[in-house]
Amino acid sequence: MFVEAELGVLSGIEDHLQVSESESKYTRPEDAAYFVKSTGCDSLAVAVGTSHGAYKFSGDQGIRFDILHAIQQQLPGFPLVLHGGSSVDPDELARINAAGGQMHRGARGVSDEELLRATAYGICKVNVATDLRVLWTRVHREFFAAHPEQFDPIVPGRMYVEALEKLCVEKFEKLGAAGKAVAFLK
């Protein structure tokens, strides 16, 4: 059994729970080392400025690399995880809105450059559930807007699976993870 633990509190909305930025808490590096040693977890999700949902950052806010670096110093070589790592592609949001959605245009996620930089500080897994949900929403909204007589979700479901595969492959390639699954299967 592999155990991924989470230490710190991300802002945003997930599973109908909403946490404001003022209630979020960054992972304290010294707490991370103590927590890992005390629990024996296999990986640790850290709170370093990302958030759940489509509205991650405002202004110049982004990943707190100073905190991430300090955590890595406390836990060298330990697998770290980044929750709330979706990019929230503005083109996808525009397409959702063109098909009847009402997504805010100010949504901004984590750039591929930030994610790639985070991997240098021990991030080995990035959760991108919001990107998958945004893609699902866009595919289904466009399909049903173009085919209002349809009601069966199977056709857009197949379209989503194809688009999802493409999105994942692109993300794997950008983050240098393409072709590495074989190492984990052994």
N, C-alpha and C. Protein backbone atom coordinates (compact mmCIF):
# COMPACT_ATOMS: atom_id res chain seq x y z
N MET A 1 0.84 -1.18 0.00
CA MET A 1 0.00 0.00 0.00
C MET A 1 0.89 1.24 0.00
N PHE A 2 0.51 2.22 -0.79
CA PHE A 2 1.23 3.49 -0.91
C PHE A 2 0.35 4.57 -0.29
N VAL A 3 0.89 5.35 0.63
CA VAL A 3 0.10 6.37 1.32
C VAL A 3 0.61 7.76 0.95
N GLU A 4 -0.29 8.56 0.38
CA GLU A 4 -0.01 9.97 0.11
C GLU A 4 -0.71 10.78 1.18
N ALA A 5 0.05 11.52 1.95
CA ALA A 5 -0.51 12.37 2.99
C ALA A 5 -0.54 13.82 2.49
N GLU A 6 -1.29 14.65 3.18
CA GLU A 6 -1.38 16.07 2.83
C GLU A 6 -1.20 16.89 4.10
N LEU A 7 -0.35 17.90 4.03
CA LEU A 7 -0.08 18.75 5.19
C LEU A 7 -0.17 20.20 4.75
N GLY A 8 -1.03 20.94 5.41
CA GLY A 8 -1.31 22.32 5.02
C GLY A 8 -2.73 22.39 4.50
N VAL A 9 -3.22 23.58 4.23
CA VAL A 9 -4.60 23.76 3.77
C VAL A 9 -4.59 24.63 2.52
N LEU A 10 -5.09 24.07 1.41
CA LEU A 10 -5.19 24.83 0.17
C LEU A 10 -6.48 25.63 0.16
N SER A 11 -6.42 26.81 -0.42
CA SER A 11 -7.65 27.58 -0.61
C SER A 11 -8.38 27.04 -1.83
N GLY A 12 -9.59 27.52 -2.04
CA GLY A 12 -10.35 27.12 -3.21
C GLY A 12 -11.56 26.28 -2.84
N ILE A 13 -12.13 25.63 -3.86
CA ILE A 13 -13.34 24.83 -3.67
C ILE A 13 -13.07 23.42 -4.15
N GLU A 14 -13.35 22.45 -3.28
CA GLU A 14 -13.23 21.04 -3.65
C GLU A 14 -14.25 20.26 -2.84
N ASP A 15 -14.96 19.37 -3.50
CA ASP A 15 -15.95 18.53 -2.83
C ASP A 15 -16.91 19.36 -1.99
N HIS A 16 -17.37 20.48 -2.51
CA HIS A 16 -18.35 21.36 -1.88
C HIS A 16 -17.81 22.06 -0.62
N LEU A 17 -16.51 21.98 -0.39
CA LEU A 17 -15.89 22.70 0.72
C LEU A 17 -15.17 23.90 0.16
N GLN A 18 -15.38 25.05 0.80
CA GLN A 18 -14.73 26.27 0.32
C GLN A 18 -13.80 26.80 1.40
N VAL A 19 -12.55 27.07 1.01
CA VAL A 19 -11.55 27.60 1.94
C VAL A 19 -11.04 28.91 1.36
N SER A 20 -11.19 29.99 2.10
CA SER A 20 -10.73 31.29 1.62
C SER A 20 -9.21 31.37 1.71
N GLU A 21 -8.64 32.33 0.97
CA GLU A 21 -7.19 32.51 1.01
C GLU A 21 -6.72 32.81 2.42
N SER A 22 -7.52 33.56 3.19
CA SER A 22 -7.11 33.91 4.55
C SER A 22 -7.12 32.70 5.48
N GLU A 23 -7.90 31.66 5.14
CA GLU A 23 -7.95 30.45 5.96
C GLU A 23 -6.96 29.38 5.50
N SER A 24 -6.34 29.59 4.34
CA SER A 24 -5.37 28.61 3.85
C SER A 24 -4.10 28.72 4.68
N LYS A 25 -3.36 27.63 4.72
CA LYS A 25 -2.12 27.61 5.49
C LYS A 25 -1.05 26.90 4.69
N TYR A 26 0.09 27.58 4.55
CA TYR A 26 1.21 26.95 3.86
C TYR A 26 1.78 25.84 4.74
N THR A 27 2.34 24.85 4.08
CA THR A 27 3.03 23.79 4.81
C THR A 27 4.32 24.37 5.39
N ARG A 28 4.51 24.19 6.66
CA ARG A 28 5.75 24.65 7.31
C ARG A 28 6.81 23.58 7.12
N PRO A 29 7.96 23.94 6.58
CA PRO A 29 9.00 22.94 6.29
C PRO A 29 9.37 22.06 7.48
N GLU A 30 9.51 22.66 8.65
CA GLU A 30 9.87 21.86 9.83
C GLU A 30 8.76 20.89 10.21
N ASP A 31 7.49 21.30 10.00
CA ASP A 31 6.37 20.40 10.26
C ASP A 31 6.36 19.24 9.26
N ALA A 32 6.73 19.52 8.02
CA ALA A 32 6.74 18.48 6.98
C ALA A 32 7.72 17.37 7.36
N ALA A 33 8.91 17.74 7.78
CA ALA A 33 9.91 16.73 8.15
C ALA A 33 9.43 15.91 9.34
N TYR A 34 8.88 16.56 10.35
CA TYR A 34 8.38 15.86 11.53
C TYR A 34 7.21 14.94 11.16
N PHE A 35 6.31 15.44 10.34
CA PHE A 35 5.13 14.68 9.93
C PHE A 35 5.53 13.41 9.17
N VAL A 36 6.43 13.54 8.21
CA VAL A 36 6.87 12.39 7.42
C VAL A 36 7.53 11.35 8.32
N LYS A 37 8.40 11.81 9.21
CA LYS A 37 9.09 10.90 10.11
C LYS A 37 8.10 10.20 11.05
N SER A 38 7.11 10.95 11.54
CA SER A 38 6.16 10.40 12.50
C SER A 38 5.15 9.44 11.88
N THR A 39 4.76 9.71 10.64
CA THR A 39 3.70 8.90 10.03
C THR A 39 4.23 7.80 9.13
N GLY A 40 5.42 7.96 8.57
CA GLY A 40 5.94 6.98 7.63
C GLY A 40 5.22 7.00 6.30
N CYS A 41 4.56 8.12 5.96
CA CYS A 41 3.86 8.22 4.68
C CYS A 41 4.87 8.07 3.53
N ASP A 42 4.36 7.72 2.37
CA ASP A 42 5.22 7.47 1.20
C ASP A 42 5.44 8.70 0.33
N SER A 43 4.52 9.65 0.39
CA SER A 43 4.65 10.92 -0.33
C SER A 43 3.86 11.96 0.44
N LEU A 44 4.15 13.23 0.16
CA LEU A 44 3.51 14.30 0.91
C LEU A 44 3.04 15.41 -0.02
N ALA A 45 1.74 15.69 0.01
CA ALA A 45 1.17 16.82 -0.72
C ALA A 45 1.37 18.06 0.15
N VAL A 46 1.95 19.09 -0.45
CA VAL A 46 2.29 20.30 0.31
C VAL A 46 1.49 21.49 -0.18
N ALA A 47 1.20 22.40 0.73
CA ALA A 47 0.48 23.63 0.41
C ALA A 47 1.51 24.74 0.22
N VAL A 48 1.72 25.12 -1.04
CA VAL A 48 2.74 26.13 -1.36
C VAL A 48 2.19 27.24 -2.26
N GLY A 49 0.88 27.48 -2.15
CA GLY A 49 0.29 28.59 -2.89
C GLY A 49 -0.72 28.24 -3.95
N THR A 50 -0.83 26.97 -4.32
CA THR A 50 -1.84 26.59 -5.30
C THR A 50 -3.19 26.48 -4.58
N SER A 51 -4.26 26.32 -5.35
CA SER A 51 -5.58 26.17 -4.74
C SER A 51 -6.43 25.26 -5.61
N HIS A 52 -7.47 24.74 -5.02
CA HIS A 52 -8.41 23.89 -5.76
C HIS A 52 -9.33 24.77 -6.60
N GLY A 53 -9.82 24.24 -7.70
CA GLY A 53 -10.79 24.94 -8.53
C GLY A 53 -10.15 25.74 -9.65
N ALA A 54 -11.00 26.47 -10.38
CA ALA A 54 -10.56 27.18 -11.58
C ALA A 54 -9.98 28.56 -11.30
N TYR A 55 -10.16 29.07 -10.10
CA TYR A 55 -9.74 30.45 -9.81
C TYR A 55 -8.60 30.41 -8.80
N LYS A 56 -7.41 30.06 -9.29
CA LYS A 56 -6.27 29.78 -8.43
C LYS A 56 -5.51 31.02 -7.99
N PHE A 57 -5.18 31.87 -8.92
CA PHE A 57 -4.28 32.97 -8.63
C PHE A 57 -4.90 34.30 -9.02
N SER A 58 -4.49 35.32 -8.30
CA SER A 58 -4.85 36.69 -8.68
C SER A 58 -3.58 37.51 -8.67
N GLY A 59 -3.49 38.47 -9.55
CA GLY A 59 -2.30 39.31 -9.62
C GLY A 59 -1.05 38.51 -9.91
N ASP A 60 -0.01 38.75 -9.12
CA ASP A 60 1.27 38.09 -9.34
C ASP A 60 1.44 36.83 -8.49
N GLN A 61 0.40 36.45 -7.77
CA GLN A 61 0.50 35.27 -6.91
C GLN A 61 0.82 34.03 -7.74
N GLY A 62 1.53 33.11 -7.15
CA GLY A 62 1.87 31.86 -7.80
C GLY A 62 2.43 30.90 -6.76
N ILE A 63 3.12 29.90 -7.21
CA ILE A 63 3.72 28.93 -6.30
C ILE A 63 4.78 29.64 -5.45
N ARG A 64 4.78 29.35 -4.18
CA ARG A 64 5.79 29.90 -3.27
C ARG A 64 7.01 28.97 -3.30
N PHE A 65 7.90 29.26 -4.23
CA PHE A 65 9.08 28.42 -4.41
C PHE A 65 10.02 28.48 -3.20
N ASP A 66 9.99 29.58 -2.46
CA ASP A 66 10.81 29.66 -1.25
C ASP A 66 10.40 28.60 -0.24
N ILE A 67 9.08 28.42 -0.08
CA ILE A 67 8.58 27.40 0.85
C ILE A 67 8.85 26.01 0.30
N LEU A 68 8.60 25.82 -0.98
CA LEU A 68 8.85 24.51 -1.60
C LEU A 68 10.32 24.12 -1.47
N HIS A 69 11.22 25.07 -1.69
CA HIS A 69 12.65 24.82 -1.57
C HIS A 69 13.01 24.44 -0.12
N ALA A 70 12.44 25.14 0.83
CA ALA A 70 12.73 24.86 2.24
C ALA A 70 12.21 23.47 2.64
N ILE A 71 11.06 23.07 2.10
CA ILE A 71 10.53 21.73 2.37
C ILE A 71 11.47 20.68 1.79
N GLN A 72 11.93 20.93 0.57
CA GLN A 72 12.86 19.99 -0.06
C GLN A 72 14.14 19.87 0.74
N GLN A 73 14.61 20.95 1.31
CA GLN A 73 15.82 20.92 2.13
C GLN A 73 15.61 20.06 3.38
N GLN A 74 14.40 20.10 3.93
CA GLN A 74 14.07 19.29 5.10
C GLN A 74 13.86 17.81 4.74
N LEU A 75 13.43 17.57 3.50
CA LEU A 75 13.10 16.21 3.04
C LEU A 75 13.79 15.91 1.71
N PRO A 76 15.10 15.92 1.67
CA PRO A 76 15.78 15.70 0.37
C PRO A 76 15.45 14.34 -0.22
N GLY A 77 15.07 14.35 -1.50
CA GLY A 77 14.76 13.12 -2.22
C GLY A 77 13.41 12.52 -1.90
N PHE A 78 12.64 13.13 -1.01
CA PHE A 78 11.33 12.59 -0.65
C PHE A 78 10.30 13.04 -1.69
N PRO A 79 9.41 12.13 -2.14
CA PRO A 79 8.42 12.49 -3.16
C PRO A 79 7.36 13.48 -2.64
N LEU A 80 7.33 14.64 -3.25
CA LEU A 80 6.36 15.68 -2.90
C LEU A 80 5.29 15.77 -3.98
N VAL A 81 4.09 16.17 -3.57
CA VAL A 81 2.93 16.21 -4.45
C VAL A 81 2.36 17.63 -4.45
N LEU A 82 1.87 18.06 -5.60
CA LEU A 82 1.27 19.38 -5.72
C LEU A 82 -0.21 19.21 -6.06
N HIS A 83 -1.07 19.51 -5.10
CA HIS A 83 -2.50 19.54 -5.37
C HIS A 83 -2.83 20.91 -5.96
N GLY A 84 -3.91 21.00 -6.73
CA GLY A 84 -4.29 22.28 -7.30
C GLY A 84 -3.35 22.74 -8.40
N GLY A 85 -2.83 21.81 -9.20
CA GLY A 85 -1.84 22.14 -10.22
C GLY A 85 -2.39 22.35 -11.62
N SER A 86 -3.69 22.50 -11.76
CA SER A 86 -4.27 22.69 -13.10
C SER A 86 -3.85 24.02 -13.71
N SER A 87 -3.77 24.03 -15.05
CA SER A 87 -3.37 25.25 -15.75
C SER A 87 -4.54 26.17 -16.06
N VAL A 88 -5.75 25.64 -16.15
CA VAL A 88 -6.96 26.40 -16.47
C VAL A 88 -6.75 27.20 -17.75
N ASP A 89 -6.70 26.50 -18.86
CA ASP A 89 -6.45 27.08 -20.18
C ASP A 89 -7.52 28.11 -20.54
N PRO A 90 -7.13 29.37 -20.76
CA PRO A 90 -8.12 30.41 -21.09
C PRO A 90 -8.87 30.13 -22.39
N ASP A 91 -8.25 29.43 -23.33
CA ASP A 91 -8.94 29.08 -24.56
C ASP A 91 -10.09 28.11 -24.29
N GLU A 92 -9.88 27.19 -23.37
CA GLU A 92 -10.96 26.26 -22.99
C GLU A 92 -12.11 27.03 -22.35
N LEU A 93 -11.79 27.99 -21.48
CA LEU A 93 -12.83 28.78 -20.83
C LEU A 93 -13.62 29.59 -21.85
N ALA A 94 -12.92 30.16 -22.83
CA ALA A 94 -13.60 30.94 -23.89
C ALA A 94 -14.53 30.04 -24.69
N ARG A 95 -14.10 28.82 -24.99
CA ARG A 95 -14.94 27.89 -25.74
C ARG A 95 -16.16 27.47 -24.92
N ILE A 96 -15.99 27.27 -23.62
CA ILE A 96 -17.13 26.95 -22.75
C ILE A 96 -18.14 28.08 -22.78
N ASN A 97 -17.65 29.31 -22.65
CA ASN A 97 -18.54 30.47 -22.65
C ASN A 97 -19.23 30.64 -23.99
N ALA A 98 -18.53 30.37 -25.08
CA ALA A 98 -19.13 30.48 -26.42
C ALA A 98 -20.24 29.45 -26.62
N ALA A 99 -20.18 28.36 -25.84
CA ALA A 99 -21.19 27.31 -25.95
C ALA A 99 -22.24 27.42 -24.83
N GLY A 100 -22.33 28.60 -24.22
CA GLY A 100 -23.37 28.84 -23.23
C GLY A 100 -22.92 28.84 -21.78
N GLY A 101 -21.64 28.61 -21.53
CA GLY A 101 -21.14 28.62 -20.15
C GLY A 101 -20.97 30.03 -19.62
N GLN A 102 -20.66 30.13 -18.36
CA GLN A 102 -20.46 31.42 -17.73
C GLN A 102 -19.24 31.40 -16.83
N MET A 103 -18.13 30.90 -17.34
CA MET A 103 -16.88 30.86 -16.57
C MET A 103 -16.27 32.26 -16.55
N HIS A 104 -15.72 32.65 -15.42
CA HIS A 104 -15.07 33.95 -15.30
C HIS A 104 -13.79 33.98 -16.13
N ARG A 105 -13.60 35.05 -16.87
CA ARG A 105 -12.43 35.15 -17.73
C ARG A 105 -11.14 35.37 -16.94
N GLY A 106 -11.23 35.74 -15.67
CA GLY A 106 -10.04 35.99 -14.87
C GLY A 106 -9.41 34.75 -14.28
N ALA A 107 -9.94 33.59 -14.60
CA ALA A 107 -9.38 32.35 -14.04
C ALA A 107 -7.96 32.16 -14.56
N ARG A 108 -7.06 31.83 -13.64
CA ARG A 108 -5.68 31.57 -14.03
C ARG A 108 -5.15 30.46 -13.14
N GLY A 109 -4.54 29.50 -13.79
CA GLY A 109 -3.99 28.38 -13.06
C GLY A 109 -2.48 28.42 -13.01
N VAL A 110 -1.89 27.24 -12.87
CA VAL A 110 -0.45 27.10 -12.74
C VAL A 110 0.14 26.89 -14.12
N SER A 111 1.11 27.69 -14.49
CA SER A 111 1.71 27.57 -15.81
C SER A 111 2.59 26.32 -15.88
N ASP A 112 2.78 25.83 -17.10
CA ASP A 112 3.66 24.68 -17.30
C ASP A 112 5.08 25.00 -16.84
N GLU A 113 5.49 26.25 -16.99
CA GLU A 113 6.83 26.65 -16.55
C GLU A 113 6.96 26.51 -15.04
N GLU A 114 5.90 26.94 -14.30
CA GLU A 114 5.92 26.81 -12.84
C GLU A 114 5.95 25.33 -12.44
N LEU A 115 5.16 24.52 -13.13
CA LEU A 115 5.12 23.10 -12.80
C LEU A 115 6.47 22.44 -13.05
N LEU A 116 7.08 22.77 -14.18
CA LEU A 116 8.38 22.21 -14.50
C LEU A 116 9.42 22.64 -13.46
N ARG A 117 9.37 23.89 -13.07
CA ARG A 117 10.29 24.39 -12.03
C ARG A 117 10.05 23.66 -10.71
N ALA A 118 8.78 23.38 -10.39
CA ALA A 118 8.45 22.69 -9.14
C ALA A 118 9.02 21.28 -9.11
N THR A 119 9.12 20.63 -10.26
CA THR A 119 9.68 19.28 -10.29
C THR A 119 11.15 19.27 -9.85
N ALA A 120 11.84 20.38 -10.06
CA ALA A 120 13.23 20.48 -9.62
C ALA A 120 13.35 20.55 -8.10
N TYR A 121 12.22 20.84 -7.43
CA TYR A 121 12.19 20.92 -5.97
C TYR A 121 11.50 19.70 -5.36
N GLY A 122 11.43 18.61 -6.09
CA GLY A 122 10.91 17.36 -5.53
C GLY A 122 9.47 17.04 -5.84
N ILE A 123 8.77 17.90 -6.57
CA ILE A 123 7.38 17.57 -6.94
C ILE A 123 7.43 16.46 -7.97
N CYS A 124 6.82 15.32 -7.64
CA CYS A 124 6.85 14.17 -8.56
C CYS A 124 5.45 13.78 -9.02
N LYS A 125 4.43 14.43 -8.46
CA LYS A 125 3.04 14.18 -8.87
C LYS A 125 2.31 15.50 -8.81
N VAL A 126 1.54 15.79 -9.85
CA VAL A 126 0.78 17.03 -9.93
C VAL A 126 -0.68 16.67 -10.19
N ASN A 127 -1.58 17.13 -9.32
CA ASN A 127 -3.01 16.89 -9.51
C ASN A 127 -3.58 17.99 -10.40
N VAL A 128 -4.30 17.58 -11.45
CA VAL A 128 -4.86 18.52 -12.42
C VAL A 128 -6.35 18.26 -12.66
N ALA A 129 -7.09 17.95 -11.62
CA ALA A 129 -8.51 17.59 -11.76
C ALA A 129 -9.33 18.71 -12.40
N THR A 130 -9.01 19.95 -12.08
CA THR A 130 -9.79 21.06 -12.65
C THR A 130 -9.63 21.09 -14.17
N ASP A 131 -8.42 20.86 -14.68
CA ASP A 131 -8.23 20.83 -16.13
C ASP A 131 -9.08 19.74 -16.77
N LEU A 132 -9.19 18.60 -16.10
CA LEU A 132 -10.00 17.50 -16.64
C LEU A 132 -11.48 17.88 -16.63
N ARG A 133 -11.92 18.55 -15.60
CA ARG A 133 -13.33 18.98 -15.50
C ARG A 133 -13.65 20.07 -16.51
N VAL A 134 -12.72 21.01 -16.68
CA VAL A 134 -12.92 22.07 -17.68
C VAL A 134 -13.03 21.46 -19.07
N LEU A 135 -12.16 20.52 -19.38
CA LEU A 135 -12.20 19.84 -20.68
C LEU A 135 -13.52 19.11 -20.86
N TRP A 136 -13.95 18.37 -19.84
CA TRP A 136 -15.23 17.64 -19.90
C TRP A 136 -16.37 18.62 -20.19
N THR A 137 -16.37 19.73 -19.47
CA THR A 137 -17.43 20.72 -19.64
C THR A 137 -17.43 21.28 -21.06
N ARG A 138 -16.26 21.63 -21.57
CA ARG A 138 -16.17 22.20 -22.92
C ARG A 138 -16.66 21.21 -23.97
N VAL A 139 -16.19 19.98 -23.91
CA VAL A 139 -16.59 18.97 -24.91
C VAL A 139 -18.10 18.78 -24.89
N HIS A 140 -18.67 18.62 -23.72
CA HIS A 140 -20.11 18.36 -23.63
C HIS A 140 -20.94 19.59 -23.99
N ARG A 141 -20.54 20.77 -23.56
CA ARG A 141 -21.29 21.98 -23.92
C ARG A 141 -21.28 22.20 -25.44
N GLU A 142 -20.10 22.06 -26.06
CA GLU A 142 -20.03 22.26 -27.50
C GLU A 142 -20.85 21.21 -28.24
N PHE A 143 -20.78 19.97 -27.80
CA PHE A 143 -21.52 18.91 -28.49
C PHE A 143 -23.02 19.18 -28.42
N PHE A 144 -23.53 19.44 -27.23
CA PHE A 144 -24.98 19.60 -27.10
C PHE A 144 -25.47 20.93 -27.67
N ALA A 145 -24.61 21.95 -27.73
CA ALA A 145 -24.99 23.20 -28.39
C ALA A 145 -25.10 22.98 -29.90
N ALA A 146 -24.21 22.16 -30.45
CA ALA A 146 -24.22 21.88 -31.89
C ALA A 146 -25.28 20.84 -32.27
N HIS A 147 -25.68 20.02 -31.32
CA HIS A 147 -26.64 18.94 -31.56
C HIS A 147 -27.72 18.95 -30.48
N PRO A 148 -28.56 19.99 -30.46
CA PRO A 148 -29.54 20.10 -29.38
C PRO A 148 -30.59 18.99 -29.36
N GLU A 149 -30.69 18.27 -30.47
CA GLU A 149 -31.66 17.16 -30.50
C GLU A 149 -31.12 15.91 -29.79
N GLN A 150 -29.83 15.90 -29.53
CA GLN A 150 -29.20 14.74 -28.88
C GLN A 150 -29.40 14.80 -27.36
N PHE A 151 -29.40 13.63 -26.76
CA PHE A 151 -29.50 13.56 -25.30
C PHE A 151 -28.56 12.49 -24.72
N ASP A 152 -28.02 11.66 -25.58
CA ASP A 152 -27.19 10.55 -25.13
C ASP A 152 -25.76 11.03 -24.89
N PRO A 153 -25.23 10.86 -23.69
CA PRO A 153 -23.88 11.34 -23.40
C PRO A 153 -22.75 10.45 -23.94
N ILE A 154 -23.09 9.36 -24.59
CA ILE A 154 -22.04 8.44 -25.05
C ILE A 154 -21.15 9.08 -26.13
N VAL A 155 -21.74 9.74 -27.10
CA VAL A 155 -20.93 10.34 -28.17
C VAL A 155 -19.98 11.41 -27.63
N PRO A 156 -20.48 12.41 -26.88
CA PRO A 156 -19.51 13.37 -26.35
C PRO A 156 -18.57 12.73 -25.31
N GLY A 157 -19.03 11.67 -24.69
CA GLY A 157 -18.15 10.95 -23.76
C GLY A 157 -16.94 10.37 -24.46
N ARG A 158 -17.17 9.81 -25.64
CA ARG A 158 -16.05 9.27 -26.43
C ARG A 158 -15.14 10.41 -26.90
N MET A 159 -15.76 11.53 -27.28
CA MET A 159 -14.96 12.69 -27.70
C MET A 159 -14.11 13.19 -26.54
N TYR A 160 -14.68 13.17 -25.34
CA TYR A 160 -13.94 13.59 -24.14
C TYR A 160 -12.75 12.68 -23.89
N VAL A 161 -12.94 11.37 -24.00
CA VAL A 161 -11.85 10.44 -23.75
C VAL A 161 -10.70 10.70 -24.72
N GLU A 162 -11.01 10.96 -25.98
CA GLU A 162 -9.97 11.27 -26.97
C GLU A 162 -9.24 12.58 -26.62
N ALA A 163 -10.01 13.59 -26.25
CA ALA A 163 -9.42 14.89 -25.89
C ALA A 163 -8.61 14.77 -24.59
N LEU A 164 -9.09 13.95 -23.67
CA LEU A 164 -8.40 13.73 -22.40
C LEU A 164 -7.04 13.06 -22.63
N GLU A 165 -7.03 12.07 -23.50
CA GLU A 165 -5.76 11.40 -23.81
C GLU A 165 -4.76 12.40 -24.38
N LYS A 166 -5.23 13.25 -25.28
CA LYS A 166 -4.35 14.26 -25.88
C LYS A 166 -3.83 15.23 -24.83
N LEU A 167 -4.70 15.71 -23.95
CA LEU A 167 -4.31 16.63 -22.89
C LEU A 167 -3.25 15.99 -21.98
N CYS A 168 -3.47 14.74 -21.58
CA CYS A 168 -2.53 14.06 -20.69
C CYS A 168 -1.18 13.86 -21.36
N VAL A 169 -1.18 13.43 -22.60
CA VAL A 169 0.09 13.21 -23.30
C VAL A 169 0.86 14.53 -23.41
N GLU A 170 0.15 15.61 -23.75
CA GLU A 170 0.81 16.92 -23.84
C GLU A 170 1.41 17.34 -22.50
N LYS A 171 0.67 17.12 -21.42
CA LYS A 171 1.14 17.49 -20.08
C LYS A 171 2.34 16.63 -19.70
N PHE A 172 2.29 15.33 -19.98
CA PHE A 172 3.41 14.44 -19.69
C PHE A 172 4.67 14.88 -20.43
N GLU A 173 4.49 15.24 -21.69
CA GLU A 173 5.65 15.67 -22.49
C GLU A 173 6.22 16.98 -21.97
N LYS A 174 5.37 17.94 -21.63
CA LYS A 174 5.84 19.23 -21.14
C LYS A 174 6.59 19.10 -19.82
N LEU A 175 6.17 18.14 -18.99
CA LEU A 175 6.79 17.99 -17.67
C LEU A 175 7.88 16.93 -17.63
N GLY A 176 8.21 16.38 -18.80
CA GLY A 176 9.29 15.40 -18.86
C GLY A 176 8.93 14.05 -18.28
N ALA A 177 7.65 13.72 -18.24
CA ALA A 177 7.21 12.45 -17.67
C ALA A 177 6.86 11.41 -18.72
N ALA A 178 6.84 11.78 -19.98
CA ALA A 178 6.44 10.85 -21.04
C ALA A 178 7.40 9.66 -21.08
N GLY A 179 6.82 8.47 -21.17
CA GLY A 179 7.60 7.24 -21.29
C GLY A 179 8.21 6.73 -20.00
N LYS A 180 7.88 7.31 -18.87
CA LYS A 180 8.51 6.89 -17.61
C LYS A 180 7.65 5.92 -16.79
N ALA A 181 6.45 5.61 -17.24
CA ALA A 181 5.58 4.71 -16.47
C ALA A 181 6.19 3.30 -16.34
N VAL A 182 6.94 2.90 -17.35
CA VAL A 182 7.55 1.57 -17.32
C VAL A 182 8.40 1.37 -16.08
N ALA A 183 9.09 2.40 -15.63
CA ALA A 183 9.94 2.31 -14.44
C ALA A 183 9.12 1.98 -13.19
N PHE A 184 7.86 2.45 -13.14
CA PHE A 184 7.02 2.21 -11.98
C PHE A 184 6.33 0.86 -12.02
N LEU A 185 6.21 0.29 -13.20
CA LEU A 185 5.55 -0.99 -13.35
C LEU A 185 6.45 -2.16 -12.93
N LYS A 186 7.74 -1.93 -12.88
CA LYS A 186 8.69 -3.00 -12.56
C LYS A 186 8.80 -3.23 -11.07
